Each structure stands twice: as C-alpha cells, then as structure tokens.
Amino acid sequence: MKKVLYLLTLLDNKTEEDIFFGLNKESIVISPEGGSVDILVYSNHKWEIKGGSDWCTPSVTCGNANENGEKVSFSAELTY
C-alpha cells in the first residue's frame, strides 16, 4: 500500500493567529488495486494543494474558506 502526502498551502497575507486550517485525516492509504479516499479540508482561508504524483490525483487543487469542510477526493487507478 502506498501513502500519499500532499502539502496544503494557505494563500494571502493573514497572520498565523488568524488562520484556522485542519484535515479530518492525517494520512491516506490506497490499495494496489486502486480506489479513492475522501478528505475534508477545514479552513477559514483560501488553500491550495501543491506537489503531487503521477499515480494519485486530487479532485480539486484549491479551495476557499469553508469551516464546515470541503471534500477533496484522492484517487488512483490500477493501470498505473
């Protein structure tokens, strides 16, 4: 099984005290057969996913503030 780590970066010029950012999972695992995993991104600020890999792709690479959580699906296909 492979683990995926993406760096989520906050945009704009707010001080660290003003920024709230969280994920509902610390890491994800996708089986060798492929599949997808959903992660909720909680933030009071714009965010962006940077970096990546050829075998696993996120459904979105940026989002706006959403303290209720915005879903990002990471998926990988068996063909890779």
PDB file of N, CA and C in Angstrom:
ATOM      1  N   MET A   1       0.836  -1.179   0.000  1.00  0.00           N
ATOM      2  CA  MET A   1       0.000   0.000   0.000  1.00  0.00           C
ATOM      3  C   MET A   1       0.883   1.246   0.000  1.00  0.00           C
ATOM      4  N   LYS A   2       0.388   2.244  -0.617  1.00  0.00           N
ATOM      5  CA  LYS A   2       1.157   3.483  -0.703  1.00  0.00           C
ATOM      6  C   LYS A   2       0.444   4.578   0.085  1.00  0.00           C
ATOM      7  N   LYS A   3       1.228   5.397   0.724  1.00  0.00           N
ATOM      8  CA  LYS A   3       0.673   6.529   1.458  1.00  0.00           C
ATOM      9  C   LYS A   3       0.909   7.801   0.653  1.00  0.00           C
ATOM     10  N   VAL A   4      -0.012   8.696   0.748  1.00  0.00           N
ATOM     11  CA  VAL A   4       0.076   9.939   0.000  1.00  0.00           C
ATOM     12  C   VAL A   4       0.192  11.096   0.974  1.00  0.00           C
ATOM     13  N   LEU A   5       1.112  11.973   0.687  1.00  0.00           N
ATOM     14  CA  LEU A   5       1.247  13.178   1.496  1.00  0.00           C
ATOM     15  C   LEU A   5       1.284  14.365   0.563  1.00  0.00           C
ATOM     16  N   TYR A   6       0.360  15.238   0.729  1.00  0.00           N
ATOM     17  CA  TYR A   6       0.307  16.457  -0.056  1.00  0.00           C
ATOM     18  C   TYR A   6       0.493  17.643   0.867  1.00  0.00           C
ATOM     19  N   LEU A   7       1.168  18.624   0.382  1.00  0.00           N
ATOM     20  CA  LEU A   7       1.339  19.845   1.143  1.00  0.00           C
ATOM     21  C   LEU A   7       0.211  20.781   0.770  1.00  0.00           C
ATOM     22  N   LEU A   8      -0.560  21.186   1.763  1.00  0.00           N
ATOM     23  CA  LEU A   8      -1.639  22.137   1.544  1.00  0.00           C
ATOM     24  C   LEU A   8      -1.151  23.491   2.022  1.00  0.00           C
ATOM     25  N   THR A   9      -1.195  24.432   1.152  1.00  0.00           N
ATOM     26  CA  THR A   9      -0.617  25.728   1.430  1.00  0.00           C
ATOM     27  C   THR A   9      -1.707  26.785   1.537  1.00  0.00           C
ATOM     28  N   LEU A  10      -1.577  27.655   2.508  1.00  0.00           N
ATOM     29  CA  LEU A  10      -2.523  28.750   2.676  1.00  0.00           C
ATOM     30  C   LEU A  10      -2.072  29.948   1.855  1.00  0.00           C
ATOM     31  N   LEU A  11      -3.050  30.643   1.274  1.00  0.00           N
ATOM     32  CA  LEU A  11      -2.752  31.798   0.443  1.00  0.00           C
ATOM     33  C   LEU A  11      -3.175  33.084   1.149  1.00  0.00           C
ATOM     34  N   ASP A  12      -2.650  34.195   0.711  1.00  0.00           N
ATOM     35  CA  ASP A  12      -2.917  35.552   1.202  1.00  0.00           C
ATOM     36  C   ASP A  12      -1.996  35.909   2.355  1.00  0.00           C
ATOM     37  N   ASN A  13      -2.210  37.066   2.945  1.00  0.00           N
ATOM     38  CA  ASN A  13      -1.308  37.579   3.965  1.00  0.00           C
ATOM     39  C   ASN A  13      -2.000  37.735   5.306  1.00  0.00           C
ATOM     40  N   LYS A  14      -2.448  36.696   5.906  1.00  0.00           N
ATOM     41  CA  LYS A  14      -3.010  36.759   7.252  1.00  0.00           C
ATOM     42  C   LYS A  14      -1.946  36.300   8.245  1.00  0.00           C
ATOM     43  N   THR A  15      -2.051  36.787   9.467  1.00  0.00           N
ATOM     44  CA  THR A  15      -1.122  36.327  10.485  1.00  0.00           C
ATOM     45  C   THR A  15      -1.500  34.922  10.907  1.00  0.00           C
ATOM     46  N   GLU A  16      -0.549  34.191  11.464  1.00  0.00           N
ATOM     47  CA  GLU A  16      -0.800  32.812  11.879  1.00  0.00           C
ATOM     48  C   GLU A  16      -1.926  32.711  12.891  1.00  0.00           C
ATOM     49  N   GLU A  17      -2.105  33.734  13.720  1.00  0.00           N
ATOM     50  CA  GLU A  17      -3.157  33.694  14.732  1.00  0.00           C
ATOM     51  C   GLU A  17      -4.543  33.757  14.107  1.00  0.00           C
ATOM     52  N   ASP A  18      -4.648  34.344  12.909  1.00  0.00           N
ATOM     53  CA  ASP A  18      -5.933  34.496  12.239  1.00  0.00           C
ATOM     54  C   ASP A  18      -6.334  33.268  11.432  1.00  0.00           C
ATOM     55  N   ILE A  19      -5.407  32.370  11.181  1.00  0.00           N
ATOM     56  CA  ILE A  19      -5.654  31.251  10.268  1.00  0.00           C
ATOM     57  C   ILE A  19      -6.088  30.009  11.032  1.00  0.00           C
ATOM     58  N   PHE A  20      -7.192  29.408  10.559  1.00  0.00           N
ATOM     59  CA  PHE A  20      -7.624  28.108  11.045  1.00  0.00           C
ATOM     60  C   PHE A  20      -7.536  27.150   9.872  1.00  0.00           C
ATOM     61  N   PHE A  21      -6.853  26.016  10.056  1.00  0.00           N
ATOM     62  CA  PHE A  21      -6.709  25.027   8.987  1.00  0.00           C
ATOM     63  C   PHE A  21      -6.640  23.642   9.603  1.00  0.00           C
ATOM     64  N   GLY A  22      -7.399  22.696   9.049  1.00  0.00           N
ATOM     65  CA  GLY A  22      -7.361  21.330   9.556  1.00  0.00           C
ATOM     66  C   GLY A  22      -7.836  20.329   8.520  1.00  0.00           C
ATOM     67  N   LEU A  23      -7.468  19.075   8.727  1.00  0.00           N
ATOM     68  CA  LEU A  23      -7.886  17.954   7.888  1.00  0.00           C
ATOM     69  C   LEU A  23      -8.536  16.915   8.781  1.00  0.00           C
ATOM     70  N   ASN A  24      -9.475  16.142   8.229  1.00  0.00           N
ATOM     71  CA  ASN A  24     -10.103  15.116   9.056  1.00  0.00           C
ATOM     72  C   ASN A  24      -9.296  13.812   9.081  1.00  0.00           C
ATOM     73  N   LYS A  25      -8.183  13.744   8.321  1.00  0.00           N
ATOM     74  CA  LYS A  25      -7.298  12.573   8.325  1.00  0.00           C
ATOM     75  C   LYS A  25      -5.857  13.044   8.257  1.00  0.00           C
ATOM     76  N   GLU A  26      -4.952  12.334   8.932  1.00  0.00           N
ATOM     77  CA  GLU A  26      -3.532  12.677   8.878  1.00  0.00           C
ATOM     78  C   GLU A  26      -2.834  12.073   7.668  1.00  0.00           C
ATOM     79  N   SER A  27      -3.294  10.922   7.218  1.00  0.00           N
ATOM     80  CA  SER A  27      -2.715  10.268   6.043  1.00  0.00           C
ATOM     81  C   SER A  27      -3.795   9.420   5.385  1.00  0.00           C
ATOM     82  N   ILE A  28      -3.551   9.032   4.147  1.00  0.00           N
ATOM     83  CA  ILE A  28      -4.487   8.162   3.446  1.00  0.00           C
ATOM     84  C   ILE A  28      -3.717   6.986   2.856  1.00  0.00           C
ATOM     85  N   VAL A  29      -4.425   5.893   2.661  1.00  0.00           N
ATOM     86  CA  VAL A  29      -3.846   4.693   2.068  1.00  0.00           C
ATOM     87  C   VAL A  29      -4.771   4.239   0.950  1.00  0.00           C
ATOM     88  N   ILE A  30      -4.214   3.992  -0.230  1.00  0.00           N
ATOM     89  CA  ILE A  30      -4.962   3.460  -1.360  1.00  0.00           C
ATOM     90  C   ILE A  30      -4.339   2.126  -1.719  1.00  0.00           C
ATOM     91  N   SER A  31      -5.158   1.116  -1.841  1.00  0.00           N
ATOM     92  CA  SER A  31      -4.656  -0.239  -2.098  1.00  0.00           C
ATOM     93  C   SER A  31      -4.019  -0.340  -3.477  1.00  0.00           C
ATOM     94  N   PRO A  32      -3.195  -1.346  -3.719  1.00  0.00           N
ATOM     95  CA  PRO A  32      -2.570  -1.541  -5.031  1.00  0.00           C
ATOM     96  C   PRO A  32      -3.588  -1.749  -6.156  1.00  0.00           C
ATOM     97  N   GLU A  33      -4.815  -2.128  -5.806  1.00  0.00           N
ATOM     98  CA  GLU A  33      -5.864  -2.321  -6.804  1.00  0.00           C
ATOM     99  C   GLU A  33      -6.477  -1.002  -7.258  1.00  0.00           C
ATOM    100  N   GLY A  34      -6.095   0.101  -6.623  1.00  0.00           N
ATOM    101  CA  GLY A  34      -6.656   1.405  -6.956  1.00  0.00           C
ATOM    102  C   GLY A  34      -7.822   1.747  -6.047  1.00  0.00           C
ATOM    103  N   GLY A  35      -8.381   2.913  -6.237  1.00  0.00           N
ATOM    104  CA  GLY A  35      -9.522   3.342  -5.441  1.00  0.00           C
ATOM    105  C   GLY A  35      -9.439   4.827  -5.154  1.00  0.00           C
ATOM    106  N   SER A  36     -10.251   5.259  -4.198  1.00  0.00           N
ATOM    107  CA  SER A  36     -10.229   6.674  -3.830  1.00  0.00           C
ATOM    108  C   SER A  36     -10.496   6.838  -2.338  1.00  0.00           C
ATOM    109  N   VAL A  37     -10.052   7.961  -1.818  1.00  0.00           N
ATOM    110  CA  VAL A  37     -10.227   8.297  -0.408  1.00  0.00           C
ATOM    111  C   VAL A  37     -10.638   9.763  -0.342  1.00  0.00           C
ATOM    112  N   ASP A  38     -11.629  10.065   0.498  1.00  0.00           N
ATOM    113  CA  ASP A  38     -12.083  11.441   0.675  1.00  0.00           C
ATOM    114  C   ASP A  38     -11.461  12.043   1.929  1.00  0.00           C
ATOM    115  N   ILE A  39     -11.072  13.299   1.821  1.00  0.00           N
ATOM    116  CA  ILE A  39     -10.551  14.069   2.950  1.00  0.00           C
ATOM    117  C   ILE A  39     -11.354  15.359   3.025  1.00  0.00           C
ATOM    118  N   LEU A  40     -11.681  15.791   4.233  1.00  0.00           N
ATOM    119  CA  LEU A  40     -12.332  17.083   4.423  1.00  0.00           C
ATOM    120  C   LEU A  40     -11.278  18.106   4.834  1.00  0.00           C
ATOM    121  N   VAL A  41     -11.290  19.257   4.161  1.00  0.00           N
ATOM    122  CA  VAL A  41     -10.379  20.353   4.448  1.00  0.00           C
ATOM    123  C   VAL A  41     -11.191  21.444   5.142  1.00  0.00           C
ATOM    124  N   TYR A  42     -10.802  21.765   6.370  1.00  0.00           N
ATOM    125  CA  TYR A  42     -11.461  22.817   7.147  1.00  0.00           C
ATOM    126  C   TYR A  42     -10.540  24.027   7.184  1.00  0.00           C
ATOM    127  N   SER A  43     -11.057  25.190   6.787  1.00  0.00           N
ATOM    128  CA  SER A  43     -10.213  26.380   6.773  1.00  0.00           C
ATOM    129  C   SER A  43     -11.065  27.638   6.792  1.00  0.00           C
ATOM    130  N   ASN A  44     -10.506  28.690   7.340  1.00  0.00           N
ATOM    131  CA  ASN A  44     -11.161  29.989   7.268  1.00  0.00           C
ATOM    132  C   ASN A  44     -10.448  30.883   6.250  1.00  0.00           C
ATOM    133  N   HIS A  45      -9.710  30.254   5.351  1.00  0.00           N
ATOM    134  CA  HIS A  45      -8.900  30.975   4.388  1.00  0.00           C
ATOM    135  C   HIS A  45      -8.765  30.151   3.118  1.00  0.00           C
ATOM    136  N   LYS A  46      -8.361  30.791   2.020  1.00  0.00           N
ATOM    137  CA  LYS A  46      -8.095  30.063   0.774  1.00  0.00           C
ATOM    138  C   LYS A  46      -6.954  29.079   0.995  1.00  0.00           C
ATOM    139  N   TRP A  47      -6.964  27.943   0.292  1.00  0.00           N
ATOM    140  CA  TRP A  47      -5.896  26.956   0.404  1.00  0.00           C
ATOM    141  C   TRP A  47      -5.607  26.370  -0.970  1.00  0.00           C
ATOM    142  N   GLU A  48      -4.435  25.716  -1.096  1.00  0.00           N
ATOM    143  CA  GLU A  48      -4.015  25.127  -2.358  1.00  0.00           C
ATOM    144  C   GLU A  48      -3.184  23.879  -2.105  1.00  0.00           C
ATOM    145  N   ILE A  49      -3.362  22.866  -2.926  1.00  0.00           N
ATOM    146  CA  ILE A  49      -2.561  21.643  -2.864  1.00  0.00           C
ATOM    147  C   ILE A  49      -1.415  21.803  -3.857  1.00  0.00           C
ATOM    148  N   LYS A  50      -0.197  21.634  -3.367  1.00  0.00           N
ATOM    149  CA  LYS A  50       0.973  21.709  -4.238  1.00  0.00           C
ATOM    150  C   LYS A  50       1.725  20.393  -4.161  1.00  0.00           C
ATOM    151  N   GLY A  51       2.503  20.119  -5.176  1.00  0.00           N
ATOM    152  CA  GLY A  51       3.222  18.853  -5.226  1.00  0.00           C
ATOM    153  C   GLY A  51       2.337  17.837  -5.919  1.00  0.00           C
ATOM    154  N   GLY A  52       2.675  16.611  -5.808  1.00  0.00           N
ATOM    155  CA  GLY A  52       1.832  15.599  -6.418  1.00  0.00           C
ATOM    156  C   GLY A  52       2.605  14.387  -6.859  1.00  0.00           C
ATOM    157  N   SER A  53       1.900  13.509  -7.483  1.00  0.00           N
ATOM    158  CA  SER A  53       2.495  12.289  -8.003  1.00  0.00           C
ATOM    159  C   SER A  53       1.734  11.877  -9.249  1.00  0.00           C
ATOM    160  N   ASP A  54       2.324  10.983 -10.015  1.00  0.00           N
ATOM    161  CA  ASP A  54       1.676  10.505 -11.232  1.00  0.00           C
ATOM    162  C   ASP A  54       0.585   9.486 -10.943  1.00  0.00           C
ATOM    163  N   TRP A  55       0.673   8.799  -9.831  1.00  0.00           N
ATOM    164  CA  TRP A  55      -0.257   7.689  -9.592  1.00  0.00           C
ATOM    165  C   TRP A  55      -1.483   8.084  -8.779  1.00  0.00           C
ATOM    166  N   CYS A  56      -1.475   9.251  -8.165  1.00  0.00           N
ATOM    167  CA  CYS A  56      -2.591   9.662  -7.321  1.00  0.00           C
ATOM    168  C   CYS A  56      -2.929  11.127  -7.596  1.00  0.00           C
ATOM    169  N   THR A  57      -4.204  11.403  -7.837  1.00  0.00           N
ATOM    170  CA  THR A  57      -4.609  12.770  -8.161  1.00  0.00           C
ATOM    171  C   THR A  57      -5.757  13.230  -7.273  1.00  0.00           C
ATOM    172  N   PRO A  58      -5.731  14.521  -6.880  1.00  0.00           N
ATOM    173  CA  PRO A  58      -6.840  15.072  -6.100  1.00  0.00           C
ATOM    174  C   PRO A  58      -7.958  15.554  -7.026  1.00  0.00           C
ATOM    175  N   SER A  59      -9.183  15.565  -6.530  1.00  0.00           N
ATOM    176  CA  SER A  59     -10.317  16.028  -7.331  1.00  0.00           C
ATOM    177  C   SER A  59     -10.283  17.533  -7.531  1.00  0.00           C
ATOM    178  N   VAL A  60      -9.731  18.275  -6.592  1.00  0.00           N
ATOM    179  CA  VAL A  60      -9.534  19.723  -6.708  1.00  0.00           C
ATOM    180  C   VAL A  60      -8.157  20.061  -6.150  1.00  0.00           C
ATOM    181  N   THR A  61      -7.576  21.167  -6.620  1.00  0.00           N
ATOM    182  CA  THR A  61      -6.255  21.550  -6.133  1.00  0.00           C
ATOM    183  C   THR A  61      -6.269  22.847  -5.342  1.00  0.00           C
ATOM    184  N   CYS A  62      -7.440  23.480  -5.224  1.00  0.00           N
ATOM    185  CA  CYS A  62      -7.533  24.687  -4.401  1.00  0.00           C
ATOM    186  C   CYS A  62      -8.973  24.852  -3.925  1.00  0.00           C
ATOM    187  N   GLY A  63      -9.116  25.641  -2.877  1.00  0.00           N
ATOM    188  CA  GLY A  63     -10.444  25.869  -2.344  1.00  0.00           C
ATOM    189  C   GLY A  63     -10.518  27.160  -1.568  1.00  0.00           C
ATOM    190  N   ASN A  64     -11.728  27.550  -1.247  1.00  0.00           N
ATOM    191  CA  ASN A  64     -11.974  28.760  -0.480  1.00  0.00           C
ATOM    192  C   ASN A  64     -12.241  28.412   0.973  1.00  0.00           C
ATOM    193  N   ALA A  65     -12.369  29.430   1.771  1.00  0.00           N
ATOM    194  CA  ALA A  65     -12.672  29.233   3.190  1.00  0.00           C
ATOM    195  C   ALA A  65     -13.959  28.427   3.338  1.00  0.00           C
ATOM    196  N   ASN A  66     -13.917  27.418   4.205  1.00  0.00           N
ATOM    197  CA  ASN A  66     -15.090  26.596   4.486  1.00  0.00           C
ATOM    198  C   ASN A  66     -14.864  25.913   5.825  1.00  0.00           C
ATOM    199  N   GLU A  67     -15.386  26.520   6.884  1.00  0.00           N
ATOM    200  CA  GLU A  67     -15.187  25.971   8.219  1.00  0.00           C
ATOM    201  C   GLU A  67     -16.010  24.711   8.452  1.00  0.00           C
ATOM    202  N   ASN A  68     -16.962  24.402   7.553  1.00  0.00           N
ATOM    203  CA  ASN A  68     -17.740  23.163   7.637  1.00  0.00           C
ATOM    204  C   ASN A  68     -17.065  22.011   6.917  1.00  0.00           C
ATOM    205  N   GLY A  69     -16.010  22.298   6.167  1.00  0.00           N
ATOM    206  CA  GLY A  69     -15.239  21.271   5.476  1.00  0.00           C
ATOM    207  C   GLY A  69     -15.562  21.198   4.000  1.00  0.00           C
ATOM    208  N   GLU A  70     -14.517  21.140   3.183  1.00  0.00           N
ATOM    209  CA  GLU A  70     -14.648  20.958   1.742  1.00  0.00           C
ATOM    210  C   GLU A  70     -14.026  19.619   1.377  1.00  0.00           C
ATOM    211  N   LYS A  71     -14.774  18.792   0.642  1.00  0.00           N
ATOM    212  CA  LYS A  71     -14.316  17.431   0.324  1.00  0.00           C
ATOM    213  C   LYS A  71     -13.329  17.446  -0.836  1.00  0.00           C
ATOM    214  N   VAL A  72     -12.208  16.754  -0.633  1.00  0.00           N
ATOM    215  CA  VAL A  72     -11.230  16.510  -1.698  1.00  0.00           C
ATOM    216  C   VAL A  72     -11.066  14.998  -1.796  1.00  0.00           C
ATOM    217  N   SER A  73     -11.273  14.461  -2.992  1.00  0.00           N
ATOM    218  CA  SER A  73     -11.102  13.021  -3.213  1.00  0.00           C
ATOM    219  C   SER A  73      -9.755  12.774  -3.869  1.00  0.00           C
ATOM    220  N   PHE A  74      -8.970  11.877  -3.288  1.00  0.00           N
ATOM    221  CA  PHE A  74      -7.709  11.445  -3.875  1.00  0.00           C
ATOM    222  C   PHE A  74      -7.955  10.086  -4.511  1.00  0.00           C
ATOM    223  N   SER A  75      -7.640   9.942  -5.800  1.00  0.00           N
ATOM    224  CA  SER A  75      -7.909   8.679  -6.467  1.00  0.00           C
ATOM    225  C   SER A  75      -6.686   8.167  -7.228  1.00  0.00           C
ATOM    226  N   ALA A  76      -6.617   6.852  -7.332  1.00  0.00           N
ATOM    227  CA  ALA A  76      -5.549   6.186  -8.065  1.00  0.00           C
ATOM    228  C   ALA A  76      -6.151   5.035  -8.844  1.00  0.00           C
ATOM    229  N   GLU A  77      -5.628   4.809 -10.044  1.00  0.00           N
ATOM    230  CA  GLU A  77      -6.132   3.733 -10.880  1.00  0.00           C
ATOM    231  C   GLU A  77      -5.181   2.539 -10.841  1.00  0.00           C
ATOM    232  N   LEU A  78      -5.742   1.368 -11.046  1.00  0.00           N
ATOM    233  CA  LEU A  78      -4.969   0.134 -11.075  1.00  0.00           C
ATOM    234  C   LEU A  78      -3.958   0.150 -12.222  1.00  0.00           C
ATOM    235  N   THR A  79      -4.274   0.824 -13.312  1.00  0.00           N
ATOM    236  CA  THR A  79      -3.414   0.792 -14.504  1.00  0.00           C
ATOM    237  C   THR A  79      -2.045   1.384 -14.276  1.00  0.00           C
ATOM    238  N   TYR A  80      -1.892   2.284 -13.280  1.00  0.00           N
ATOM    239  CA  TYR A  80      -0.573   2.860 -13.041  1.00  0.00           C
ATOM    240  C   TYR A  80       0.309   1.813 -12.408  1.00  0.00           C
TER     241      TYR A  80
END
